[in-house]
Amino acid sequence: FRRLVLDMGSLVHGQALLASAAVTDCDIAKVQTVIGRRRPIRELDMAALEANARIVAIHQPVARDLRFVMTLSRAIYDLERISGEAVRLADIAEGLYEQNLSTSQRAIFEDVGRMADPAVDLLARSLDALANEDVNAAVRVALDSEALEKVFTGSIRRMATYVMQDPRNIRWVIDATLGLRAMERIGDHACSLARNIIFSITGKDVRHASVDLLEAAP
């Protein structure tokens, strides 16, 4: 079951990376790859859910084992949602490719790439924490979510300046903002995965915890 979830995570991680690059590069080949990976990810999603049901029905796990099974089940949900956001980014990139943007118009989408770096990094680290059942690594991911929020806030402010510079940029600013929102949600789901790992290992529910409680979680 865990192997299925980690395999799904590896595919989703690569999909998210490609999706952000598809937007910033207006690369139709990357768009097609992102969309093409949706089906194998869904197949792993279904296989993992079936494996989860078998484990609960046959082995009836308790205590920490049950918490870990629950964490894997929640991880499937988070990974499926991240994959959905990657496809949303690919859809944006496909529209940009068809418009043949100028250099100045493409610059508006650079912030999506800036958001991708911390967001996809959080996902990679969450998956490592899951693979190693490393609570300290999971706590660091959850704490670092604030850094992603700062990047997002700065990017949204820059979007406003593009509109002030030229009101005709509004169309591209809307698309870029949707891309930023997608990257923010990818980071949020990565942090959700990390918080569930903390619960699995420590028994502490920190899904809505403050920074101080997170630091004390291990």
Protein backbone atom coordinates (compact mmCIF):
# COMPACT_ATOMS: atom_id res chain seq x y z
CA PHE A 1 0.00 0.00 0.00
CA ARG A 2 2.74 2.46 0.96
CA ARG A 3 4.67 1.59 -2.22
CA LEU A 4 1.61 2.44 -4.32
CA VAL A 5 1.23 5.79 -2.58
CA LEU A 6 4.92 6.63 -3.00
CA ASP A 7 4.81 5.63 -6.67
CA MET A 8 1.81 7.90 -7.10
CA GLY A 9 3.69 10.66 -5.28
CA SER A 10 6.68 10.33 -7.61
CA LEU A 11 4.44 10.70 -10.67
CA VAL A 12 2.58 13.65 -9.18
CA HIS A 13 5.82 15.38 -8.20
CA GLY A 14 7.12 15.13 -11.77
CA GLN A 15 3.76 16.26 -13.11
CA ALA A 16 3.78 19.38 -10.93
CA LEU A 17 7.31 20.27 -12.04
CA LEU A 18 6.38 19.90 -15.70
CA ALA A 19 3.18 21.89 -15.26
CA SER A 20 4.97 24.92 -13.83
CA ALA A 21 7.57 24.76 -16.61
CA ALA A 22 4.79 24.48 -19.20
CA VAL A 23 3.34 27.79 -18.00
CA THR A 24 6.59 29.73 -17.82
CA ASP A 25 7.90 28.31 -21.14
CA CYS A 26 4.53 28.15 -22.96
CA ASP A 27 5.65 24.65 -23.93
CA ILE A 28 2.92 22.56 -25.57
CA ALA A 29 4.98 19.34 -25.34
CA LYS A 30 5.11 19.69 -21.54
CA VAL A 31 1.38 20.41 -21.52
CA GLN A 32 0.67 17.15 -23.33
CA THR A 33 2.95 15.21 -20.97
CA VAL A 34 1.22 16.64 -17.90
CA ILE A 35 -2.22 15.76 -19.23
CA GLY A 36 -1.01 12.33 -20.38
CA ARG A 37 0.16 11.47 -16.85
CA ARG A 38 -3.29 12.05 -15.42
CA ARG A 39 -4.52 8.58 -16.37
CA PRO A 40 -1.68 6.52 -14.79
CA ILE A 41 -1.97 8.67 -11.67
CA ARG A 42 -5.69 7.93 -11.46
CA GLU A 43 -4.97 4.23 -11.93
CA LEU A 44 -2.53 4.31 -9.00
CA ASP A 45 -5.11 6.27 -7.03
CA MET A 46 -7.69 3.52 -7.52
CA ALA A 47 -5.18 0.73 -6.82
CA ALA A 48 -4.07 2.42 -3.60
CA LEU A 49 -7.65 2.91 -2.42
CA GLU A 50 -8.38 -0.77 -3.07
CA ALA A 51 -5.22 -1.79 -1.18
CA ASN A 52 -6.28 0.45 1.71
CA ALA A 53 -9.69 -1.21 1.88
CA ARG A 54 -8.12 -4.69 1.90
CA ILE A 55 -5.73 -3.79 4.72
CA VAL A 56 -8.51 -2.42 6.91
CA ALA A 57 -10.81 -5.38 6.18
CA ILE A 58 -8.25 -8.17 6.55
CA HIS A 59 -5.69 -6.92 9.07
CA GLN A 60 -7.84 -4.53 11.13
CA PRO A 61 -4.89 -2.34 12.19
CA VAL A 62 -4.98 -0.53 15.55
CA ALA A 63 -3.11 2.30 17.28
CA ARG A 64 -0.12 3.63 15.33
CA ASP A 65 -0.62 1.14 12.49
CA LEU A 66 -4.15 2.42 12.02
CA ARG A 67 -2.96 6.03 12.11
CA PHE A 68 -0.38 5.26 9.42
CA VAL A 69 -3.00 3.60 7.22
CA MET A 70 -5.19 6.70 7.69
CA THR A 71 -2.24 8.91 6.76
CA LEU A 72 -1.65 6.97 3.56
CA SER A 73 -5.34 7.24 2.74
CA ARG A 74 -5.25 11.00 3.23
CA ALA A 75 -2.05 11.17 1.19
CA ILE A 76 -3.90 9.64 -1.74
CA TYR A 77 -6.45 12.46 -1.54
CA ASP A 78 -3.78 15.18 -1.32
CA LEU A 79 -1.81 13.73 -4.23
CA GLU A 80 -4.91 13.42 -6.39
CA ARG A 81 -5.73 17.08 -5.71
CA ILE A 82 -2.17 18.13 -6.55
CA SER A 83 -2.44 16.25 -9.84
CA GLY A 84 -5.65 18.14 -10.54
CA GLU A 85 -3.89 21.45 -9.95
CA ALA A 86 -1.08 20.39 -12.29
CA VAL A 87 -3.63 19.73 -15.03
CA ARG A 88 -5.18 23.13 -14.33
CA LEU A 89 -1.75 24.70 -14.87
CA ALA A 90 -1.37 22.73 -18.09
CA ASP A 91 -4.71 24.08 -19.31
CA ILE A 92 -3.47 27.62 -18.66
CA ALA A 93 -0.22 26.90 -20.50
CA GLU A 94 -2.12 25.50 -23.49
CA GLY A 95 -4.09 28.73 -23.77
CA LEU A 96 -0.91 30.79 -23.60
CA TYR A 97 0.74 28.71 -26.32
CA GLU A 98 -2.16 29.43 -28.64
CA GLN A 99 -1.81 33.19 -28.05
CA ASN A 100 1.89 33.42 -28.98
CA LEU A 101 2.77 35.86 -26.19
CA SER A 102 5.36 38.60 -26.47
CA THR A 103 8.42 38.65 -24.21
CA SER A 104 6.87 41.26 -21.92
CA GLN A 105 3.65 39.25 -21.65
CA ARG A 106 5.56 36.07 -20.82
CA ALA A 107 7.33 37.93 -18.01
CA ILE A 108 3.99 38.18 -16.20
CA PHE A 109 4.07 34.41 -15.73
CA GLU A 110 7.56 34.26 -14.21
CA ASP A 111 6.02 34.42 -10.74
CA VAL A 112 4.38 31.04 -11.35
CA GLY A 113 7.88 29.61 -11.66
CA ARG A 114 8.95 31.42 -8.49
CA MET A 115 6.02 29.86 -6.66
CA ALA A 116 6.80 26.43 -8.12
CA ASP A 117 10.24 26.22 -6.52
CA PRO A 118 9.07 26.31 -2.86
CA ALA A 119 5.74 24.55 -3.53
CA VAL A 120 7.22 21.54 -5.34
CA ASP A 121 10.08 21.45 -2.82
CA LEU A 122 7.52 21.09 -0.01
CA LEU A 123 5.92 18.22 -1.91
CA ALA A 124 9.25 16.43 -2.43
CA ARG A 125 10.16 16.81 1.24
CA SER A 126 6.73 15.61 2.37
CA LEU A 127 7.09 12.48 0.25
CA ASP A 128 10.56 11.86 1.71
CA ALA A 129 9.14 12.27 5.22
CA LEU A 130 6.40 9.77 4.37
CA ALA A 131 8.84 7.25 2.90
CA ASN A 132 11.12 7.46 5.96
CA GLU A 133 8.37 8.07 8.55
CA ASP A 134 10.45 11.06 9.64
CA VAL A 135 8.45 13.27 11.99
CA ASN A 136 11.15 15.95 12.24
CA ALA A 137 11.24 16.34 8.46
CA ALA A 138 7.43 16.55 8.41
CA VAL A 139 7.48 19.29 11.05
CA ARG A 140 9.98 21.31 9.03
CA VAL A 141 7.74 21.07 5.97
CA ALA A 142 4.72 22.26 7.94
CA LEU A 143 6.69 25.17 9.39
CA ASP A 144 8.10 26.17 6.00
CA SER A 145 4.61 26.68 4.60
CA GLU A 146 4.82 30.28 5.84
CA ALA A 147 7.69 30.94 3.42
CA LEU A 148 5.49 29.83 0.52
CA GLU A 149 2.75 32.20 1.66
CA LYS A 150 5.20 35.11 1.61
CA VAL A 151 6.21 34.28 -1.97
CA PHE A 152 2.55 34.11 -2.93
CA THR A 153 1.75 37.47 -1.33
CA GLY A 154 4.68 39.14 -3.10
CA SER A 155 3.62 37.64 -6.42
CA ILE A 156 0.04 38.87 -6.08
CA ARG A 157 1.34 42.38 -5.41
CA ARG A 158 3.42 42.22 -8.58
CA MET A 159 0.32 41.22 -10.53
CA ALA A 160 -1.26 44.53 -9.54
CA THR A 161 1.72 46.47 -10.89
CA TYR A 162 1.39 44.78 -14.30
CA VAL A 163 -2.19 46.02 -14.55
CA MET A 164 -1.20 49.53 -13.50
CA GLN A 165 1.57 49.58 -16.10
CA ASP A 166 -0.79 48.57 -18.89
CA PRO A 167 -4.51 47.79 -18.39
CA ARG A 168 -4.32 45.51 -21.44
CA ASN A 169 -2.34 43.09 -19.28
CA ILE A 170 -5.45 42.24 -17.29
CA ARG A 171 -6.14 39.05 -19.26
CA TRP A 172 -2.66 37.69 -18.66
CA VAL A 173 -2.68 38.80 -15.04
CA ILE A 174 -5.89 36.82 -14.45
CA ASP A 175 -4.32 33.69 -15.97
CA ALA A 176 -1.11 34.21 -13.98
CA THR A 177 -3.10 34.67 -10.77
CA LEU A 178 -4.95 31.41 -11.43
CA GLY A 179 -1.56 29.77 -11.90
CA LEU A 180 -0.31 31.22 -8.64
CA ARG A 181 -3.41 29.95 -6.85
CA ALA A 182 -2.80 26.48 -8.26
CA MET A 183 0.81 26.51 -7.02
CA GLU A 184 -0.37 27.74 -3.61
CA ARG A 185 -2.82 24.84 -3.37
CA ILE A 186 -0.07 22.38 -4.36
CA GLY A 187 1.95 23.69 -1.42
CA ASP A 188 -1.08 23.51 0.87
CA HIS A 189 -1.69 19.86 0.01
CA ALA A 190 2.00 19.08 0.55
CA CYS A 191 1.78 20.63 4.02
CA SER A 192 -1.44 18.72 4.70
CA LEU A 193 0.46 15.53 3.92
CA ALA A 194 3.24 16.56 6.32
CA ARG A 195 0.80 17.34 9.13
CA ASN A 196 -0.85 13.95 8.69
CA ILE A 197 2.56 12.30 8.97
CA ILE A 198 3.04 14.07 12.30
CA PHE A 199 -0.31 12.69 13.46
CA SER A 200 0.59 9.20 12.29
CA ILE A 201 3.84 9.09 14.26
CA THR A 202 3.04 11.15 17.37
CA GLY A 203 -0.73 10.82 17.68
CA LYS A 204 -1.00 14.62 17.84
CA ASP A 205 -3.56 16.19 15.53
CA VAL A 206 -1.78 19.31 14.23
CA ARG A 207 -3.87 19.91 11.12
CA HIS A 208 -4.96 23.31 12.48
CA ALA A 209 -2.12 23.84 14.95
CA SER A 210 -0.14 26.99 15.60
CA VAL A 211 3.57 27.29 14.86
CA ASP A 212 4.42 26.81 18.55
CA LEU A 213 2.49 23.54 18.72
CA LEU A 214 4.13 22.32 15.54
CA GLU A 215 7.58 23.02 16.95
CA ALA A 216 6.68 21.00 20.03
CA ALA A 217 5.11 18.13 18.07
CA PRO A 218 8.09 15.72 18.01
